[in-house]
Amino acid sequence: MGSSIINEGSVDLVVDSRGVGTITFAHPMSNSLPGHLLRKLAETIRTAGNDTAIKVIVLRSAGEKAFCAGASFDELISINDLDTGRVFFSGFAEVINAMRKAPKFVLCRVQGRAVGGGVGVASAADHTFATAHADVKLSELAVGIGPFVVGPAVERKVGKSAFTQLSIDATTWKSAKWAAEKGLYASVHENAEAMDAAIDTLAEQLSKSNPEAMAMLKLAFWEGTAHWDTLLTQRAEMSGKLVLSDFTREAIGKFKGGGR
């Protein structure tokens, strides 16, 4: 149904004959998400949610390695004022809220490692598939911020204890098996081929299910999160303030030089 490429990166939505809408985001830096891609991704999810021809949404990233490296470090280090910081982190809030409010189930395909905002995206899906290579890490504290915006989505999926572990130990990868045991992943597969087969099977099943029943179930699943429109915006302001500090600027510079 079209493609949008702005500078670097893209977001595509393709709808098949069954009514399965597949959204693919891509960025050459390990599928990291700069502000323009976050806004386009949120817009595309909203479009798919409102399209009556789409019965179920599959969210995935391009390539065979990283699922999503989270925020764009290049953009983070260029933020010079509070409003710019708030707007940038609000992009993640928009994506999570778009996934939450879409009246269709969102299936997420995680083929490789997920960092920071990438863990948030995987957590905001209704049913997430992964490969054995899909380790997770919330690295925000290591760069002087904190997983404030993605926190509610991650905590809702894995519980406060596991979310606390991820947030505090910000430099250690947790395995895909760990993520599945905590409820982040619904299933873990040996390779992408096996994962894709499982996704296709469930998408096929859901494409034949009652759309009204699925929409009502979606509301039930997300009961108690109506305040997230306000909450996640407030969290974005927290991150936007912290990213301006000298501590965070130095930490991001070191982190960018040493990799994630």
Protein backbone atom coordinates (compact mmCIF):
# COMPACT_ATOMS: atom_id res chain seq x y z
CA MET A 1 0.00 0.00 0.00
CA GLY A 2 2.95 2.27 -0.35
CA SER A 3 6.28 3.26 1.11
CA SER A 4 7.62 6.34 2.86
CA ILE A 5 11.34 7.03 2.89
CA ILE A 6 12.48 10.20 4.64
CA ASN A 7 16.24 10.73 4.67
CA GLU A 8 17.27 7.32 6.00
CA GLY A 9 14.81 4.60 6.86
CA SER A 10 11.36 3.57 5.77
CA VAL A 11 7.97 2.33 6.91
CA ASP A 12 5.89 0.11 4.63
CA LEU A 13 2.39 -1.31 4.90
CA VAL A 14 1.35 -4.26 2.73
CA VAL A 15 -2.09 -5.89 2.95
CA ASP A 16 -2.63 -9.40 1.56
CA SER A 17 -5.81 -11.03 0.28
CA ARG A 18 -6.60 -12.45 3.73
CA GLY A 19 -6.65 -9.03 5.36
CA VAL A 20 -3.29 -9.42 7.09
CA GLY A 21 -1.63 -6.01 7.20
CA THR A 22 2.15 -6.24 7.54
CA ILE A 23 4.01 -3.12 8.67
CA THR A 24 7.78 -3.16 8.17
CA PHE A 25 10.12 -0.48 9.54
CA ALA A 26 13.74 -0.22 8.49
CA HIS A 27 16.79 1.88 9.27
CA PRO A 28 20.42 1.20 8.30
CA MET A 29 21.60 1.70 11.89
CA SER A 30 20.29 -1.61 13.29
CA ASN A 31 16.68 -0.50 12.77
CA SER A 32 17.06 2.35 15.24
CA LEU A 33 14.19 4.83 15.32
CA PRO A 34 14.82 8.54 14.70
CA GLY A 35 11.93 10.93 15.23
CA HIS A 36 10.62 10.96 11.67
CA LEU A 37 10.43 7.16 11.60
CA LEU A 38 8.66 7.05 14.96
CA ARG A 39 6.02 9.48 13.72
CA LYS A 40 5.57 7.58 10.45
CA LEU A 41 5.36 4.25 12.26
CA ALA A 42 2.68 5.55 14.62
CA GLU A 43 0.74 7.02 11.70
CA THR A 44 0.95 3.75 9.77
CA ILE A 45 -0.27 1.72 12.76
CA ARG A 46 -3.22 4.10 13.16
CA THR A 47 -3.99 3.79 9.43
CA ALA A 48 -3.94 -0.01 9.62
CA GLY A 49 -6.10 0.04 12.73
CA ASN A 50 -8.75 2.14 10.97
CA ASP A 51 -8.70 0.16 7.71
CA THR A 52 -11.70 -2.19 7.65
CA ALA A 53 -9.96 -4.37 5.05
CA ILE A 54 -7.30 -5.27 7.61
CA LYS A 55 -8.22 -7.99 10.10
CA VAL A 56 -4.90 -8.37 11.93
CA ILE A 57 -1.64 -6.39 12.01
CA VAL A 58 1.84 -7.91 11.84
CA LEU A 59 4.64 -5.55 12.92
CA ARG A 60 8.19 -6.37 11.90
CA SER A 61 11.53 -4.80 11.06
CA ALA A 62 13.73 -5.33 8.05
CA GLY A 63 16.84 -7.47 7.82
CA GLU A 64 18.03 -10.61 9.53
CA LYS A 65 19.86 -9.24 12.56
CA ALA A 66 18.70 -6.58 15.04
CA PHE A 67 14.97 -6.10 15.55
CA CYS A 68 15.34 -2.56 16.86
CA ALA A 69 18.24 -0.69 18.43
CA GLY A 70 15.92 1.82 20.08
CA ALA A 71 16.42 5.56 19.89
CA SER A 72 18.74 7.13 17.34
CA PHE A 73 21.90 8.18 19.17
CA ASP A 74 22.68 10.73 16.45
CA GLU A 75 19.36 12.41 17.13
CA LEU A 76 19.64 12.10 20.92
CA ILE A 77 23.00 13.85 20.99
CA SER A 78 21.70 16.68 18.79
CA ILE A 79 18.83 17.62 21.16
CA ASN A 80 19.52 21.11 22.55
CA ASP A 81 16.29 22.18 24.25
CA LEU A 82 13.54 20.71 26.39
CA ASP A 83 10.80 21.01 23.77
CA THR A 84 12.85 19.14 21.15
CA GLY A 85 13.60 16.40 23.69
CA ARG A 86 9.95 16.11 24.66
CA VAL A 87 8.86 15.88 21.02
CA PHE A 88 11.46 13.19 20.26
CA PHE A 89 10.55 10.92 23.18
CA SER A 90 6.87 11.53 22.49
CA GLY A 91 7.48 9.62 19.26
CA PHE A 92 7.86 6.41 21.25
CA ALA A 93 4.75 7.33 23.22
CA GLU A 94 2.84 7.73 19.94
CA VAL A 95 3.91 4.31 18.68
CA ILE A 96 3.01 2.53 21.92
CA ASN A 97 -0.34 4.29 22.17
CA ALA A 98 -1.12 3.58 18.51
CA MET A 99 -0.49 -0.12 19.12
CA ARG A 100 -2.55 -0.02 22.31
CA LYS A 101 -5.53 1.71 20.71
CA ALA A 102 -5.60 -0.14 17.36
CA PRO A 103 -8.89 -2.13 17.33
CA LYS A 104 -7.03 -5.13 15.89
CA PHE A 105 -4.53 -7.53 17.38
CA VAL A 106 -0.92 -6.56 16.73
CA LEU A 107 1.43 -9.51 16.23
CA CYS A 108 5.10 -8.61 16.53
CA ARG A 109 8.00 -10.40 14.82
CA VAL A 110 11.32 -10.09 16.68
CA GLN A 111 14.08 -11.69 14.62
CA GLY A 112 17.04 -10.37 16.63
CA ARG A 113 18.16 -8.23 19.54
CA ALA A 114 15.91 -5.49 20.90
CA VAL A 115 17.25 -2.53 22.87
CA GLY A 116 15.45 0.22 24.78
CA GLY A 117 12.58 1.47 22.67
CA GLY A 118 12.71 -1.77 20.70
CA VAL A 119 11.81 -3.66 23.87
CA GLY A 120 8.96 -1.21 24.34
CA VAL A 121 7.61 -1.90 20.86
CA ALA A 122 7.84 -5.67 21.38
CA SER A 123 6.05 -5.28 24.73
CA ALA A 124 3.23 -3.15 23.33
CA ALA A 125 2.22 -5.86 20.85
CA ASP A 126 -0.63 -8.18 21.75
CA HIS A 127 1.28 -11.35 20.79
CA THR A 128 5.04 -11.37 20.18
CA PHE A 129 7.04 -14.04 18.37
CA ALA A 130 10.83 -14.25 18.60
CA THR A 131 13.85 -16.23 17.52
CA ALA A 132 16.42 -17.65 19.90
CA HIS A 133 18.64 -14.68 18.96
CA ALA A 134 16.14 -12.07 20.22
CA ASP A 135 17.91 -10.99 23.41
CA VAL A 136 16.67 -7.86 25.18
CA LYS A 137 18.23 -4.98 27.08
CA LEU A 138 16.94 -1.71 28.53
CA SER A 139 20.08 0.39 28.17
CA GLU A 140 18.59 3.79 29.03
CA LEU A 141 20.13 4.15 32.50
CA ALA A 142 23.55 3.40 31.05
CA VAL A 143 23.26 6.57 28.96
CA GLY A 144 21.93 8.70 31.79
CA ILE A 145 18.20 8.57 31.07
CA GLY A 146 15.83 5.76 32.08
CA PRO A 147 13.14 3.65 30.37
CA PHE A 148 10.40 6.09 31.32
CA VAL A 149 8.30 6.12 28.14
CA VAL A 150 8.50 2.40 27.38
CA GLY A 151 8.33 1.44 31.05
CA PRO A 152 4.54 1.09 31.37
CA ALA A 153 4.37 -1.21 28.33
CA VAL A 154 7.29 -3.35 29.46
CA GLU A 155 6.08 -3.58 33.06
CA ARG A 156 2.56 -4.48 31.93
CA LYS A 157 3.96 -7.41 29.96
CA VAL A 158 6.70 -8.78 32.24
CA GLY A 159 5.73 -7.50 35.69
CA LYS A 160 7.42 -5.02 38.02
CA SER A 161 10.15 -7.39 39.22
CA ALA A 162 11.45 -8.28 35.75
CA PHE A 163 11.08 -4.66 34.60
CA THR A 164 13.16 -3.56 37.60
CA GLN A 165 15.86 -6.08 36.73
CA LEU A 166 16.03 -4.86 33.13
CA SER A 167 16.05 -1.19 34.15
CA ILE A 168 18.75 -1.42 36.83
CA ASP A 169 21.13 -3.83 35.08
CA ALA A 170 21.20 -1.67 31.98
CA THR A 171 24.28 -3.16 30.35
CA THR A 172 23.44 -6.86 30.53
CA TRP A 173 21.56 -8.73 27.82
CA LYS A 174 18.71 -10.99 28.88
CA SER A 175 18.16 -14.01 26.66
CA ALA A 176 15.13 -14.67 24.49
CA LYS A 177 14.39 -17.62 26.77
CA TRP A 178 14.35 -15.27 29.78
CA ALA A 179 12.03 -12.88 27.92
CA ALA A 180 9.67 -15.75 27.10
CA GLU A 181 9.65 -16.97 30.70
CA LYS A 182 8.68 -13.46 31.83
CA GLY A 183 5.85 -13.24 29.28
CA LEU A 184 7.36 -10.76 26.83
CA TYR A 185 7.54 -13.38 24.07
CA ALA A 186 4.65 -15.74 23.42
CA SER A 187 6.98 -18.20 21.71
CA VAL A 188 10.66 -18.53 20.79
CA HIS A 189 11.76 -20.32 17.61
CA GLU A 190 15.11 -21.69 16.50
CA ASN A 191 15.19 -19.61 13.35
CA ALA A 192 13.30 -16.99 11.36
CA GLU A 193 11.74 -19.57 9.05
CA ALA A 194 10.08 -21.43 11.93
CA MET A 195 8.98 -18.14 13.49
CA ASP A 196 7.46 -16.90 10.23
CA ALA A 197 5.55 -20.13 9.79
CA ALA A 198 4.07 -19.74 13.28
CA ILE A 199 3.17 -16.10 12.62
CA ASP A 200 1.49 -16.99 9.34
CA THR A 201 -0.53 -19.77 11.00
CA LEU A 202 -1.87 -17.45 13.71
CA ALA A 203 -2.45 -14.56 11.29
CA GLU A 204 -4.44 -16.91 9.04
CA GLN A 205 -6.54 -18.04 11.99
CA LEU A 206 -7.19 -14.49 13.16
CA SER A 207 -8.07 -13.30 9.66
CA LYS A 208 -11.06 -15.66 9.82
CA SER A 209 -12.10 -14.65 13.34
CA ASN A 210 -14.89 -12.27 14.27
CA PRO A 211 -13.52 -8.68 13.96
CA GLU A 212 -16.00 -7.36 16.54
CA ALA A 213 -15.05 -10.04 19.06
CA MET A 214 -11.33 -9.33 18.53
CA ALA A 215 -11.88 -5.58 18.97
CA MET A 216 -13.78 -6.19 22.20
CA LEU A 217 -11.07 -8.53 23.46
CA LYS A 218 -8.44 -5.93 22.63
CA LEU A 219 -10.27 -3.41 24.82
CA ALA A 220 -10.47 -5.95 27.62
CA PHE A 221 -6.77 -6.79 27.37
CA TRP A 222 -5.80 -3.12 27.68
CA GLU A 223 -8.29 -2.21 30.40
CA GLY A 224 -6.85 0.30 32.84
CA THR A 225 -4.50 2.00 30.36
CA ALA A 226 -6.71 4.85 29.13
CA HIS A 227 -4.52 7.32 31.05
CA TRP A 228 -1.45 6.37 28.99
CA ASP A 229 -2.07 9.22 26.53
CA THR A 230 -1.23 11.60 29.37
CA LEU A 231 1.19 9.35 31.27
CA LEU A 232 3.52 8.62 28.37
CA THR A 233 3.64 12.30 27.40
CA GLN A 234 4.67 13.14 30.97
CA ARG A 235 7.31 10.41 30.80
CA ALA A 236 8.60 11.87 27.52
CA GLU A 237 9.14 15.20 29.29
CA MET A 238 11.18 13.43 31.97
CA SER A 239 13.45 11.87 29.36
CA GLY A 240 13.60 15.12 27.41
CA LYS A 241 14.89 16.92 30.47
CA LEU A 242 17.49 14.31 31.34
CA VAL A 243 18.91 14.13 27.81
CA LEU A 244 20.02 17.76 28.13
CA SER A 245 22.31 17.10 31.11
CA ASP A 246 26.08 17.06 30.73
CA PHE A 247 26.13 13.60 32.33
CA THR A 248 23.83 12.18 29.68
CA ARG A 249 25.58 13.89 26.77
CA GLU A 250 28.92 12.43 27.85
CA ALA A 251 27.39 8.99 28.44
CA ILE A 252 25.71 8.94 25.03
CA GLY A 253 28.99 9.97 23.38
CA LYS A 254 30.85 7.12 25.08
CA PHE A 255 28.07 4.65 24.37
CA LYS A 256 27.91 5.65 20.73
CA GLY A 257 31.64 5.19 20.39
CA GLY A 258 31.61 1.77 22.06
CA GLY A 259 28.39 0.43 20.58
CA ARG A 260 25.23 -0.71 22.31
